[in-house]
C-alpha cells in the first residue's frame, strides 16, 4: 500500500448489527489505506449502510443519494473523485434497482458480502454483490478488530429462519447462521486487550446461537457461550440482543441467575398481546407462553429490566386485539420498549393482505401504546432514585465537567466527574431520573481500571 491516504465516510442506518458491520467495514477499508472521516464532503468513498425494516428508512437512503450526487458533482469540478457504495439490507433487497434509480451509485453490496469491498474498489469483482456467502464473510474479514471506547458490539449470529409475516430480515440477511465459539472468543479477547470492558452480543435471533463448544463436547447454546466469555479477565459486562421468545431456553435463563457479568437487562420482543395477531404474524408463540417465560426469567433474576418491541395496526388487528396488547403491557411492565406502526414491506405476507388498517387508526393506537410505555419507563427510572448503581463511563457528558455512562439496566447516567474515569466502573448514587436518562453523583473512585 502506498501513496496518499484516502478518506471514507460511513453513514449507518438502523440496527446495532449495522453499527457492528460499519465498524468492520471501517477496519477492512483501513487496511486498504482509507482513513475514516466524519463528513461526506471530504470523502473519496461514501458508504451508506442501510436498513430495510421500515419504509421511511429505505426512502431516506434515496434522499441521501440525491445530496451525495451534488457532492460528487461539486468535487468532480475540483478534479476530485467520490465513489459511492450502498451497503446493508436495502442493497440486499433492491440490488441492481438502486443503480437504475440512482446512477450516482458505484457499488451495491449486501450485508453478507461487504468483505468484498476492497476487491470491488480495485475493479477485481462485480460492483453488485448481494449473495449470502456468510461463511466467506467471516473468513475474509480483517482479524484485528478496532476498539473505539470501552464498549463494543460483537456479531455472533446472523439471519433468521422464523419468517414473521411482517419482516424482511429472512430475505435480506438470509438463513440463521452461528459463528464459531472460537471466532467469537478470539474477537472478544482482542477487544478486551484494546480496552473494551463491555460487549453486546448481536444477532437477528441472538439466542438462536448454537455451535460446537470449545471443550470438544456437545454443542453450546448462548448461555454456555456467555459463561465462557464471562471468564475472560478484564471483561466486566456482557449484554445480548435481539432475542426471540421461541429461543429463550433454560440454559440462557440460568445464565441470568448465575453469571454476575451478564447484565440484568433483557430485550425480548412480543410484538402484540393478541394471540390472533401473533398467529397472523407467524410468531410461533402464544401470550400464555410469553407470560410463563417472563415468570421464569424473573424468578431467576428478580431485578431484571425488560425491554420489548411492539407493532400496532398489523392487518386485521381489531380494537379488541389492540386492547389485549395494552393489557399485556400493564400486566408485564417494561423498563423500556420500541413501538411502531405496521409498515408494509414488499414481498412479505403481511403486505399482500387486503385488510390493512387505516393510517389514522394506526396512529391513534400507537399514541395510546406509547403513552403507556413511556409512563412505565419513567416509573422504572424513578424507582432507581436513591439507589447506588455501578456505572461504566464511556464518553463525555453534555455539559462542561460532565461524564456519561451506562447503568446495568442500559440507561444513560450523567455525573460531574473527571475524564480519566471514562473506561472505568464507578459506583454512582442516583439522584434524579428523566424519561431517557439518570443523573447522580460519584460514590467511589473507579472500581476497576481501564
Protein backbone atom coordinates (compact mmCIF):
# COMPACT_ATOMS: atom_id res chain seq x y z
CA UNK A 1 0.00 0.00 0.00
CA UNK A 2 1.46 3.39 -0.98
CA UNK A 3 0.53 6.90 -1.99
CA UNK A 4 -1.78 9.49 -0.47
CA UNK A 5 -4.17 8.28 2.19
CA UNK A 6 -7.78 8.06 1.05
CA UNK A 7 -10.81 9.04 3.11
CA UNK A 8 -14.06 7.16 3.72
CA UNK A 9 -17.31 8.36 5.28
CA UNK A 10 -19.68 5.65 6.52
CA UNK A 11 -23.26 6.51 7.43
CA UNK A 12 -25.15 3.88 9.38
CA UNK A 13 -28.92 3.41 9.39
CA UNK A 14 -30.97 1.09 11.57
CA UNK A 15 -29.99 -1.63 13.98
CA UNK A 16 -27.00 -2.35 16.19
CA UNK A 17 -25.86 -5.05 13.81
CA UNK A 18 -25.45 -2.38 11.16
CA UNK A 19 -23.33 -0.42 13.64
CA UNK A 20 -21.14 -3.51 14.02
CA UNK A 21 -20.98 -4.04 10.26
CA UNK A 22 -19.97 -0.42 9.73
CA UNK A 23 -17.16 -0.79 12.25
CA UNK A 24 -15.99 -3.90 10.42
CA UNK A 25 -16.09 -2.09 7.09
CA UNK A 26 -14.06 0.79 8.54
CA UNK A 27 -11.44 -1.66 9.79
CA UNK A 28 -11.42 -3.52 6.48
CA UNK A 29 -11.08 -0.34 4.44
CA UNK A 30 -8.37 0.87 6.81
CA UNK A 31 -6.19 -1.97 5.58
CA UNK A 32 -6.71 -0.56 2.07
CA UNK A 33 -5.44 2.89 3.02
CA UNK A 34 -8.71 4.60 3.94
CA UNK A 35 -8.98 6.88 6.97
CA UNK A 36 -12.49 7.35 8.34
CA UNK A 37 -13.82 10.94 8.29
CA UNK A 38 -16.93 12.50 9.74
CA UNK A 39 -18.48 14.13 6.68
CA UNK A 40 -19.24 13.12 3.12
CA UNK A 41 -17.95 16.40 1.65
CA UNK A 42 -14.33 15.41 2.30
CA UNK A 43 -14.56 11.71 1.45
CA UNK A 44 -13.16 9.83 -1.51
CA UNK A 45 -15.55 6.98 -0.71
CA UNK A 46 -19.01 7.23 0.87
CA UNK A 47 -20.71 4.11 2.21
CA UNK A 48 -24.39 4.15 3.18
CA UNK A 49 -25.02 1.12 5.38
CA UNK A 50 -28.76 0.81 5.06
CA UNK A 51 -31.81 -0.59 6.85
CA UNK A 52 -34.93 -2.03 5.20
CA UNK A 53 -37.15 -2.72 8.20
CA UNK A 54 -39.41 0.30 7.65
CA UNK A 55 -40.36 2.18 4.51
CA UNK A 56 -39.12 5.56 5.73
CA UNK A 57 -35.66 4.15 6.41
CA UNK A 58 -35.39 2.91 2.83
CA UNK A 59 -36.68 6.15 1.32
CA UNK A 60 -34.21 8.17 3.40
CA UNK A 61 -31.40 6.37 1.58
CA UNK A 62 -32.60 7.71 -1.77
CA UNK A 63 -32.93 11.18 -0.27
CA UNK A 64 -29.31 10.96 0.91
CA UNK A 65 -28.21 9.76 -2.52
CA UNK A 66 -29.67 12.92 -4.04
CA UNK A 67 -27.49 15.04 -1.75
CA UNK A 68 -24.47 12.84 -2.43
CA UNK A 69 -24.93 13.35 -6.17
CA UNK A 70 -24.48 17.08 -5.61
CA UNK A 71 -21.36 16.49 -3.52
CA UNK A 72 -19.95 14.14 -6.15
CA UNK A 73 -20.54 16.67 -8.92
CA UNK A 74 -19.03 19.53 -6.90
CA UNK A 75 -15.90 17.51 -6.09
CA UNK A 76 -15.57 16.47 -9.73
CA UNK A 77 -15.33 20.15 -10.74
CA UNK A 78 -12.30 20.36 -8.44
CA UNK A 79 -10.77 17.29 -10.06
CA UNK A 80 -11.65 15.03 -7.13
CA UNK A 81 -13.32 11.64 -7.36
CA UNK A 82 -16.04 10.47 -5.00
CA UNK A 83 -17.20 6.85 -5.14
CA UNK A 84 -20.49 5.86 -3.54
CA UNK A 85 -21.43 2.44 -2.17
CA UNK A 86 -24.82 1.36 -0.85
CA UNK A 87 -24.45 -1.48 1.64
CA UNK A 88 -26.77 -3.29 4.03
CA UNK A 89 -30.32 -4.51 3.78
CA UNK A 90 -31.68 -2.04 1.23
CA UNK A 91 -28.81 -3.08 -1.01
CA UNK A 92 -29.73 -6.72 -0.49
CA UNK A 93 -33.44 -6.18 -1.11
CA UNK A 94 -33.26 -3.87 -4.11
CA UNK A 95 -29.95 -4.84 -5.73
CA UNK A 96 -29.49 -3.50 -9.26
CA UNK A 97 -32.64 -1.37 -8.89
CA UNK A 98 -30.59 1.02 -6.73
CA UNK A 99 -28.15 1.76 -9.54
CA UNK A 100 -31.03 2.13 -12.00
CA UNK A 101 -32.90 4.54 -9.74
CA UNK A 102 -29.73 6.35 -8.56
CA UNK A 103 -26.99 6.12 -11.21
CA UNK A 104 -24.68 8.06 -8.88
CA UNK A 105 -24.11 4.78 -7.01
CA UNK A 106 -20.93 2.93 -7.97
CA UNK A 107 -21.26 -0.19 -5.80
CA UNK A 108 -24.10 -2.17 -4.24
CA UNK A 109 -23.11 -4.67 -1.57
CA UNK A 110 -25.37 -6.73 0.67
CA UNK A 111 -24.78 -7.38 4.38
CA UNK A 112 -23.24 -10.80 3.72
CA UNK A 113 -20.87 -9.52 1.03
CA UNK A 114 -19.23 -6.36 2.35
CA UNK A 115 -15.96 -8.23 2.87
CA UNK A 116 -15.61 -7.89 -0.91
CA UNK A 117 -15.48 -4.10 -0.89
CA UNK A 118 -11.68 -3.89 -1.32
CA UNK A 119 -11.80 -6.14 -4.39
CA UNK A 120 -14.76 -4.20 -5.77
CA UNK A 121 -12.92 -0.90 -5.33
CA UNK A 122 -9.95 -2.32 -7.21
CA UNK A 123 -12.19 -3.50 -10.07
CA UNK A 124 -11.49 -7.17 -9.32
CA UNK A 125 -15.09 -8.10 -8.54
CA UNK A 126 -18.51 -7.17 -9.86
CA UNK A 127 -19.80 -3.85 -8.45
CA UNK A 128 -23.02 -5.63 -7.43
CA UNK A 129 -22.67 -8.25 -4.68
CA UNK A 130 -25.81 -9.50 -2.93
CA UNK A 131 -25.25 -13.20 -2.32
CA UNK A 132 -25.40 -14.93 1.06
CA UNK A 133 -21.84 -16.22 1.47
CA UNK A 134 -21.86 -15.69 5.23
CA UNK A 135 -19.06 -18.19 5.94
CA UNK A 136 -16.92 -16.43 3.36
CA UNK A 137 -17.62 -13.10 5.04
CA UNK A 138 -16.31 -14.06 8.44
CA UNK A 139 -13.34 -15.89 6.96
CA UNK A 140 -12.26 -12.89 4.87
CA UNK A 141 -12.87 -10.07 7.35
CA UNK A 142 -9.88 -8.48 8.97
CA UNK A 143 -8.91 -10.41 12.10
CA UNK A 144 -7.88 -7.36 14.09
CA UNK A 145 -10.88 -5.52 15.47
CA UNK A 146 -10.59 -1.82 16.13
CA UNK A 147 -11.77 -0.77 19.57
CA UNK A 148 -13.47 2.61 19.88
CA UNK A 149 -14.03 3.12 23.58
CA UNK A 150 -14.85 0.76 26.44
CA UNK A 151 -17.93 -0.83 24.81
CA UNK A 152 -18.25 -2.86 21.62
CA UNK A 153 -20.72 -4.90 19.59
CA UNK A 154 -19.83 -8.43 18.52
CA UNK A 155 -21.99 -10.26 15.99
CA UNK A 156 -22.41 -13.91 16.98
CA UNK A 157 -25.40 -14.87 14.84
CA UNK A 158 -26.93 -13.61 11.62
CA UNK A 159 -30.05 -14.29 9.63
CA UNK A 160 -33.47 -15.59 10.56
CA UNK A 161 -35.49 -18.74 9.92
CA UNK A 162 -38.68 -17.54 11.65
CA UNK A 163 -40.36 -15.80 8.69
CA UNK A 164 -42.60 -13.50 10.68
CA UNK A 165 -45.12 -12.25 8.16
CA UNK A 166 -44.25 -8.57 8.65
CA UNK A 167 -40.48 -8.89 8.40
CA UNK A 168 -37.94 -8.69 5.56
CA UNK A 169 -34.94 -9.97 7.55
CA UNK A 170 -35.02 -13.58 6.22
CA UNK A 171 -34.89 -12.12 2.70
CA UNK A 172 -32.17 -9.52 3.35
CA UNK A 173 -29.97 -11.35 5.89
CA UNK A 174 -30.55 -14.94 4.84
CA UNK A 175 -30.90 -18.08 6.94
CA UNK A 176 -29.75 -18.33 10.54
CA UNK A 177 -26.01 -18.76 10.84
CA UNK A 178 -23.95 -19.01 14.04
CA UNK A 179 -20.31 -18.03 14.18
CA UNK A 180 -17.99 -20.49 15.88
CA UNK A 181 -17.33 -20.19 19.59
CA UNK A 182 -13.61 -19.93 18.87
CA UNK A 183 -14.06 -16.99 16.46
CA UNK A 184 -16.23 -15.14 18.96
CA UNK A 185 -13.89 -15.84 21.87
CA UNK A 186 -10.89 -14.62 19.88
CA UNK A 187 -12.66 -11.43 18.84
CA UNK A 188 -13.78 -10.63 22.38
CA UNK A 189 -10.31 -11.29 23.81
CA UNK A 190 -8.82 -8.96 21.20
CA UNK A 191 -11.30 -6.23 22.11
CA UNK A 192 -10.55 -6.61 25.82
CA UNK A 193 -6.83 -6.26 25.14
CA UNK A 194 -7.61 -2.92 23.48
CA UNK A 195 -9.57 -1.64 26.47
CA UNK A 196 -13.12 -2.84 25.91
CA UNK A 197 -14.92 -3.54 29.18
CA UNK A 198 -18.41 -4.39 27.91
CA UNK A 199 -19.52 -6.39 24.87
CA UNK A 200 -23.00 -6.71 23.43
CA UNK A 201 -23.52 -9.95 21.52
CA UNK A 202 -25.62 -9.33 18.43
CA UNK A 203 -27.89 -11.41 16.24
CA UNK A 204 -31.18 -11.15 14.41
CA UNK A 205 -32.16 -14.02 16.72
CA UNK A 206 -29.17 -13.91 19.01
CA UNK A 207 -30.50 -16.55 21.40
CA UNK A 208 -30.78 -18.99 18.49
CA UNK A 209 -26.96 -19.10 18.51
CA UNK A 210 -25.65 -22.68 18.69
CA UNK A 211 -22.23 -24.08 17.78
CA UNK A 212 -19.75 -26.72 18.94
CA UNK A 213 -18.25 -25.80 22.28
CA UNK A 214 -14.56 -25.19 22.89
CA UNK A 215 -14.46 -28.15 25.25
CA UNK A 216 -14.93 -30.58 22.35
CA UNK A 217 -18.20 -31.87 23.76
CA UNK A 218 -21.77 -31.14 22.83
CA UNK A 219 -22.94 -28.00 21.10
CA UNK A 220 -23.23 -24.89 23.20
CA UNK A 221 -26.19 -22.57 23.40
CA UNK A 222 -25.96 -18.85 24.08
CA UNK A 223 -25.97 -19.38 27.85
CA UNK A 224 -22.87 -21.56 27.64
CA UNK A 225 -21.13 -19.11 25.31
CA UNK A 226 -21.80 -16.32 27.81
CA UNK A 227 -20.45 -18.47 30.64
CA UNK A 228 -17.24 -18.95 28.66
CA UNK A 229 -16.85 -15.26 27.78
CA UNK A 230 -17.52 -14.30 31.41
CA UNK A 231 -14.21 -15.92 32.34
CA UNK A 232 -12.17 -13.50 30.18
CA UNK A 233 -10.13 -11.37 32.54
CA UNK A 234 -10.93 -7.68 32.15
CA UNK A 235 -14.38 -8.17 30.66
CA UNK A 236 -16.74 -6.54 33.12
CA UNK A 237 -20.09 -6.71 31.36
CA UNK A 238 -21.94 -8.82 28.80
CA UNK A 239 -25.23 -7.99 27.08
CA UNK A 240 -27.06 -9.54 24.12
CA UNK A 241 -29.78 -8.55 21.68
CA UNK A 242 -32.18 -9.25 19.95
CA UNK A 243 -33.89 -12.34 21.33
CA UNK A 244 -36.88 -14.33 20.17
CA UNK A 245 -39.21 -15.88 22.78
CA UNK A 246 -39.07 -19.26 21.00
CA UNK A 247 -35.29 -19.45 21.58
CA UNK A 248 -35.21 -18.41 25.26
CA UNK A 249 -34.11 -21.74 26.75
CA UNK A 250 -33.46 -22.88 30.33
CA UNK A 251 -29.69 -22.56 29.91
CA UNK A 252 -29.91 -18.89 29.00
CA UNK A 253 -32.34 -18.19 31.83
CA UNK A 254 -29.92 -19.91 34.22
CA UNK A 255 -27.11 -17.69 32.91
CA UNK A 256 -29.07 -14.67 34.11
CA UNK A 257 -29.25 -16.29 37.53
CA UNK A 258 -25.64 -17.44 37.80
CA UNK A 259 -23.38 -15.05 35.85
CA UNK A 260 -22.72 -11.71 37.51
CA UNK A 261 -21.23 -10.02 34.45
CA UNK A 262 -24.38 -10.73 32.42
CA UNK A 263 -26.36 -7.54 32.86
CA UNK A 264 -29.90 -7.65 34.30
CA UNK A 265 -31.49 -6.33 31.11
CA UNK A 266 -33.36 -8.35 28.50
CA UNK A 267 -34.83 -7.23 25.19
CA UNK A 268 -37.49 -9.84 24.39
CA UNK A 269 -39.92 -8.66 21.70
CA UNK A 270 -43.51 -9.88 21.89
CA UNK A 271 -44.89 -7.61 19.08
CA UNK A 272 -48.57 -7.99 20.09
CA UNK A 273 -50.59 -9.05 23.12
CA UNK A 274 -53.24 -10.75 20.99
CA UNK A 275 -52.98 -14.47 20.22
CA UNK A 276 -54.90 -13.89 16.99
CA UNK A 277 -52.46 -11.26 15.81
CA UNK A 278 -49.45 -13.33 16.93
CA UNK A 279 -50.74 -16.22 14.84
CA UNK A 280 -51.27 -13.96 11.84
CA UNK A 281 -47.73 -12.63 12.33
CA UNK A 282 -46.40 -16.22 12.36
CA UNK A 283 -44.60 -15.52 15.63
CA UNK A 284 -44.81 -19.13 16.77
CA UNK A 285 -45.67 -18.35 20.40
CA UNK A 286 -48.79 -17.50 22.34
CA UNK A 287 -49.26 -14.96 25.10
CA UNK A 288 -49.55 -17.77 27.66
CA UNK A 289 -46.11 -19.00 26.58
CA UNK A 290 -44.72 -15.46 26.83
CA UNK A 291 -46.22 -14.87 30.29
CA UNK A 292 -44.76 -18.14 31.59
CA UNK A 293 -41.40 -17.28 30.10
CA UNK A 294 -41.37 -13.89 31.82
CA UNK A 295 -42.29 -15.55 35.14
CA UNK A 296 -39.35 -17.97 34.79
CA UNK A 297 -36.93 -15.19 33.88
CA UNK A 298 -37.99 -13.03 36.82
CA UNK A 299 -37.77 -15.99 39.17
CA UNK A 300 -34.16 -16.47 38.05
CA UNK A 301 -33.23 -12.76 38.14
CA UNK A 302 -35.78 -10.72 40.13
CA UNK A 303 -34.15 -7.36 39.34
CA UNK A 304 -34.14 -7.86 35.59
CA UNK A 305 -35.34 -4.94 33.44
CA UNK A 306 -37.44 -5.96 30.46
CA UNK A 307 -37.50 -4.29 27.07
CA UNK A 308 -39.71 -5.16 24.12
CA UNK A 309 -40.86 -4.41 20.59
CA UNK A 310 -44.47 -3.74 19.61
CA UNK A 311 -46.17 -3.35 16.24
CA UNK A 312 -49.62 -1.75 16.15
CA UNK A 313 -52.02 -1.88 13.24
CA UNK A 314 -50.97 -5.21 11.77
CA UNK A 315 -53.52 -6.17 9.07
CA UNK A 316 -56.72 -7.42 10.65
CA UNK A 317 -55.91 -6.09 14.14
CA UNK A 318 -59.22 -5.28 15.84
CA UNK A 319 -59.88 -2.87 18.70
CA UNK A 320 -60.09 -5.90 20.99
CA UNK A 321 -56.71 -7.16 19.72
CA UNK A 322 -55.17 -3.80 20.49
CA UNK A 323 -56.70 -3.80 23.98
CA UNK A 324 -55.02 -7.18 24.52
CA UNK A 325 -51.68 -5.50 23.76
CA UNK A 326 -52.36 -2.74 26.28
CA UNK A 327 -53.34 -5.35 28.87
CA UNK A 328 -50.14 -7.31 28.25
CA UNK A 329 -48.04 -4.18 28.75
CA UNK A 330 -49.85 -3.38 32.00
CA UNK A 331 -49.51 -6.98 33.25
CA UNK A 332 -45.83 -7.40 32.39
CA UNK A 333 -44.33 -3.96 32.92
CA UNK A 334 -41.47 -2.76 30.72
CA UNK A 335 -38.46 -0.67 31.66
CA UNK A 336 -38.18 0.42 28.03
CA UNK A 337 -39.67 -0.53 24.69
CA UNK A 338 -39.77 0.24 20.99
CA UNK A 339 -43.14 0.62 19.29
CA UNK A 340 -44.05 1.23 15.66
CA UNK A 341 -46.95 1.42 13.26
CA UNK A 342 -47.07 -1.57 10.93
CA UNK A 343 -45.18 -0.79 7.73
CA UNK A 344 -45.86 -2.80 4.58
CA UNK A 345 -42.68 -4.33 3.26
CA UNK A 346 -42.74 -5.64 -0.33
CA UNK A 347 -42.56 -9.40 -0.62
CA UNK A 348 -43.79 -10.17 2.89
CA UNK A 349 -47.09 -11.99 3.50
CA UNK A 350 -48.48 -9.11 5.57
CA UNK A 351 -48.08 -6.70 2.68
CA UNK A 352 -50.37 -8.82 0.48
CA UNK A 353 -53.33 -8.81 2.88
CA UNK A 354 -56.41 -6.85 1.90
CA UNK A 355 -57.40 -5.95 5.49
CA UNK A 356 -54.83 -3.18 6.03
CA UNK A 357 -55.54 -0.83 8.93
CA UNK A 358 -56.12 2.87 8.10
CA UNK A 359 -53.19 5.14 8.93
CA UNK A 360 -55.21 7.32 11.31
CA UNK A 361 -56.26 4.25 13.32
CA UNK A 362 -52.65 3.05 13.49
CA UNK A 363 -51.54 6.49 14.61
CA UNK A 364 -54.13 6.65 17.39
CA UNK A 365 -53.23 3.18 18.63
CA UNK A 366 -49.51 3.93 18.57
CA UNK A 367 -50.04 7.12 20.56
CA UNK A 368 -52.05 5.27 23.23
CA UNK A 369 -49.47 2.48 23.46
CA UNK A 370 -46.54 4.87 23.65
CA UNK A 371 -48.21 6.89 26.41
CA UNK A 372 -48.45 3.69 28.47
CA UNK A 373 -44.91 2.55 27.68
CA UNK A 374 -43.43 5.97 28.47
CA UNK A 375 -45.23 6.06 31.81
CA UNK A 376 -43.74 2.66 32.67
CA UNK A 377 -40.27 3.74 31.58
CA UNK A 378 -40.42 6.89 33.71
CA UNK A 379 -41.71 4.90 36.70
CA UNK A 380 -38.88 2.38 36.37
CA UNK A 381 -36.26 5.11 36.11
CA UNK A 382 -37.70 6.95 39.12
CA UNK A 383 -37.65 3.72 41.14
CA UNK A 384 -33.85 3.90 40.98
CA UNK A 385 -33.60 7.29 42.71
CA UNK A 386 -31.69 6.86 45.95
CA UNK A 387 -30.05 3.61 44.83
CA UNK A 388 -26.35 3.15 44.16
CA UNK A 389 -25.54 1.58 40.79
CA UNK A 390 -22.26 0.59 39.11
CA UNK A 391 -21.84 2.75 36.02
CA UNK A 392 -19.44 2.10 33.15
CA UNK A 393 -18.42 5.53 31.88
CA UNK A 394 -17.82 5.69 28.13
CA UNK A 395 -17.93 9.32 26.96
CA UNK A 396 -18.08 13.00 27.83
CA UNK A 397 -21.39 14.34 29.04
CA UNK A 398 -23.49 17.12 27.55
CA UNK A 399 -22.07 19.85 29.79
CA UNK A 400 -18.65 21.02 30.91
CA UNK A 401 -17.10 18.73 33.53
CA UNK A 402 -19.73 16.04 32.96
CA UNK A 403 -19.22 12.40 32.01
CA UNK A 404 -21.74 9.82 30.86
CA UNK A 405 -22.01 6.07 31.21
CA UNK A 406 -24.46 3.20 31.31
CA UNK A 407 -26.22 1.61 34.23
CA UNK A 408 -26.68 -2.16 34.44
CA UNK A 409 -30.17 -1.52 33.02
CA UNK A 410 -28.77 0.32 29.96
CA UNK A 411 -29.89 3.84 30.87
CA UNK A 412 -27.52 6.72 30.27
CA UNK A 413 -26.20 8.09 33.58
CA UNK A 414 -24.76 11.62 33.85
CA UNK A 415 -22.50 12.84 36.66
CA UNK A 416 -19.97 15.59 37.27
CA UNK A 417 -16.63 13.84 37.11
CA UNK A 418 -13.12 13.81 35.63
CA UNK A 419 -12.47 12.49 32.14
CA UNK A 420 -9.96 9.92 33.41
CA UNK A 421 -12.92 7.89 34.71
CA UNK A 422 -14.01 7.10 31.15
CA UNK A 423 -13.45 3.38 30.67
CA UNK A 424 -13.95 2.55 34.34
CA UNK A 425 -16.75 1.20 36.51
CA UNK A 426 -17.73 3.55 39.30
CA UNK A 427 -20.47 3.47 41.93
CA UNK A 428 -23.00 6.27 41.41
CA UNK A 429 -25.85 7.27 43.70
CA UNK A 430 -28.85 8.15 41.55
CA UNK A 431 -30.38 11.49 42.49
CA UNK A 432 -32.78 12.23 39.62
CA UNK A 433 -34.41 10.49 36.69
CA UNK A 434 -35.96 11.52 33.41
CA UNK A 435 -37.56 9.55 30.62
CA UNK A 436 -34.31 8.53 28.93
CA UNK A 437 -31.53 9.14 31.45
CA UNK A 438 -30.48 9.20 35.08
CA UNK A 439 -28.30 11.64 36.99
CA UNK A 440 -26.31 11.17 40.16
CA UNK A 441 -23.05 11.72 41.97
CA UNK A 442 -19.93 9.64 42.37
CA UNK A 443 -19.81 7.46 45.47
CA UNK A 444 -16.39 5.92 44.98
CA UNK A 445 -13.27 6.05 42.89
CA UNK A 446 -13.11 3.63 39.98
CA UNK A 447 -13.96 0.07 40.94
CA UNK A 448 -11.65 -1.32 38.29
CA UNK A 449 -9.04 0.17 35.96
CA UNK A 450 -9.46 0.75 32.26
